[in-house]
Amino acid sequence: MSLTLPPPIAAYFAADKADGDAVAACFTDQAVVKDEGHAHHGPAAIAAWKTATSAKYIYTSTPVAVDQADGRVVVTSHVAGNFPGSPITLRYAFALESDKISGLEITP
């Protein structure tokens, strides 16, 4: 089964395999990412978050479902790697603004 993700979200999951700068390029200048109890504001902080995560963990994220909830696009993804609790299913709740991501909250 193949999922059709909105272009900014498809770009995010492709960039997630690359580096922090590639991920940050998917977001608006005022975007906020919430992950593991921390909020990362703006492209520089988002790039640093992704770079730190990639240095800490090796993982794959495979989207398995997409839905709409509360004005956001929610992608359910199986994430597996060298982190405690792997594998895990995570929910990525994206807020979109034109062709960019304006917010992302990652939760179990």
Protein backbone atom coordinates (compact mmCIF):
# COMPACT_ATOMS: atom_id res chain seq x y z
CA MET A 1 0.00 0.00 0.00
CA SER A 2 1.31 3.41 -0.96
CA LEU A 3 0.41 6.58 0.92
CA THR A 4 -0.14 9.91 -0.75
CA LEU A 5 1.33 12.57 1.54
CA PRO A 6 0.94 16.31 0.96
CA PRO A 7 4.10 17.57 -0.81
CA PRO A 8 5.59 19.42 2.23
CA ILE A 9 5.18 16.29 4.37
CA ALA A 10 6.60 13.99 1.69
CA ALA A 11 9.56 16.40 1.49
CA TYR A 12 10.01 16.19 5.28
CA PHE A 13 10.18 12.39 5.33
CA ALA A 14 12.63 12.42 2.39
CA ALA A 15 14.78 15.08 4.12
CA ASP A 16 14.69 13.12 7.39
CA LYS A 17 16.99 10.60 5.68
CA ALA A 18 19.47 13.40 4.91
CA ASP A 19 20.58 16.05 7.40
CA GLY A 20 19.46 18.89 9.63
CA ASP A 21 19.65 21.56 6.94
CA ALA A 22 17.50 19.49 4.57
CA VAL A 23 14.88 19.00 7.30
CA ALA A 24 14.93 22.68 8.31
CA ALA A 25 14.32 23.71 4.69
CA CYS A 26 10.87 22.05 4.91
CA PHE A 27 9.71 24.54 7.59
CA THR A 28 8.55 28.16 7.70
CA ASP A 29 10.71 30.74 9.46
CA GLN A 30 8.39 30.75 12.51
CA ALA A 31 7.86 26.97 12.65
CA VAL A 32 7.97 25.03 15.90
CA VAL A 33 8.83 21.34 16.30
CA LYS A 34 7.80 19.62 19.55
CA ASP A 35 9.56 16.32 20.25
CA GLU A 36 10.55 14.44 23.41
CA GLY A 37 9.24 17.23 25.65
CA HIS A 38 11.19 20.02 23.94
CA ALA A 39 10.15 22.78 21.53
CA HIS A 40 12.48 23.88 18.75
CA HIS A 41 11.66 27.31 17.26
CA GLY A 42 12.76 28.35 13.77
CA PRO A 43 14.94 26.75 11.10
CA ALA A 44 18.26 27.00 12.97
CA ALA A 45 16.87 25.25 16.06
CA ILE A 46 15.09 22.68 13.91
CA ALA A 47 18.32 21.93 12.02
CA ALA A 48 20.18 21.57 15.34
CA TRP A 49 17.42 19.24 16.67
CA LYS A 50 17.63 16.99 13.62
CA THR A 51 21.46 16.99 13.64
CA ALA A 52 21.54 16.05 17.34
CA THR A 53 18.91 13.33 16.86
CA SER A 54 20.84 11.84 13.94
CA ALA A 55 24.07 11.88 15.94
CA LYS A 56 22.35 10.13 18.85
CA TYR A 57 20.23 7.56 16.98
CA ILE A 58 20.24 5.60 13.76
CA TYR A 59 16.63 5.00 12.73
CA THR A 60 14.15 4.56 9.91
CA SER A 61 10.70 6.09 9.83
CA THR A 62 8.09 4.46 7.61
CA PRO A 63 4.74 6.27 7.25
CA VAL A 64 1.86 3.78 7.40
CA ALA A 65 -1.26 5.98 7.66
CA VAL A 66 -2.33 9.56 7.08
CA ASP A 67 -5.40 11.36 8.45
CA GLN A 68 -6.73 14.84 9.22
CA ALA A 69 -7.40 15.97 12.80
CA ASP A 70 -7.96 19.42 14.31
CA GLY A 71 -6.76 21.18 11.16
CA ARG A 72 -3.54 19.18 11.04
CA VAL A 73 -2.32 16.31 8.91
CA VAL A 74 -1.46 13.38 11.16
CA VAL A 75 0.94 10.76 9.85
CA THR A 76 1.34 7.51 11.74
CA SER A 77 4.81 6.08 11.23
CA HIS A 78 6.67 2.96 12.35
CA VAL A 79 10.06 4.05 13.68
CA ALA A 80 12.83 1.52 14.31
CA GLY A 81 16.43 2.03 15.31
CA ASN A 82 19.00 1.98 18.08
CA PHE A 83 16.94 3.86 20.68
CA PRO A 84 15.20 2.61 23.84
CA GLY A 85 11.78 1.14 23.10
CA SER A 86 12.46 0.45 19.42
CA PRO A 87 10.44 -0.19 17.37
CA ILE A 88 7.69 2.29 18.14
CA THR A 89 4.72 3.79 16.35
CA LEU A 90 4.78 7.59 16.40
CA ARG A 91 2.24 10.20 15.39
CA TYR A 92 3.55 13.19 13.46
CA ALA A 93 0.98 16.03 13.58
CA PHE A 94 1.84 18.58 10.89
CA ALA A 95 0.46 22.10 10.51
CA LEU A 96 0.92 23.38 6.97
CA GLU A 97 1.26 26.88 5.58
CA SER A 98 1.32 27.05 1.79
CA ASP A 99 4.15 24.77 0.68
CA LYS A 100 5.94 24.58 4.05
CA ILE A 101 5.45 23.05 7.49
CA SER A 102 4.55 25.61 10.16
CA GLY A 103 4.39 23.15 13.06
CA LEU A 104 5.17 19.56 13.93
CA GLU A 105 4.40 17.64 17.09
CA ILE A 106 5.77 14.11 17.43
CA THR A 107 4.08 11.86 20.01
CA PRO A 108 3.83 8.14 20.78
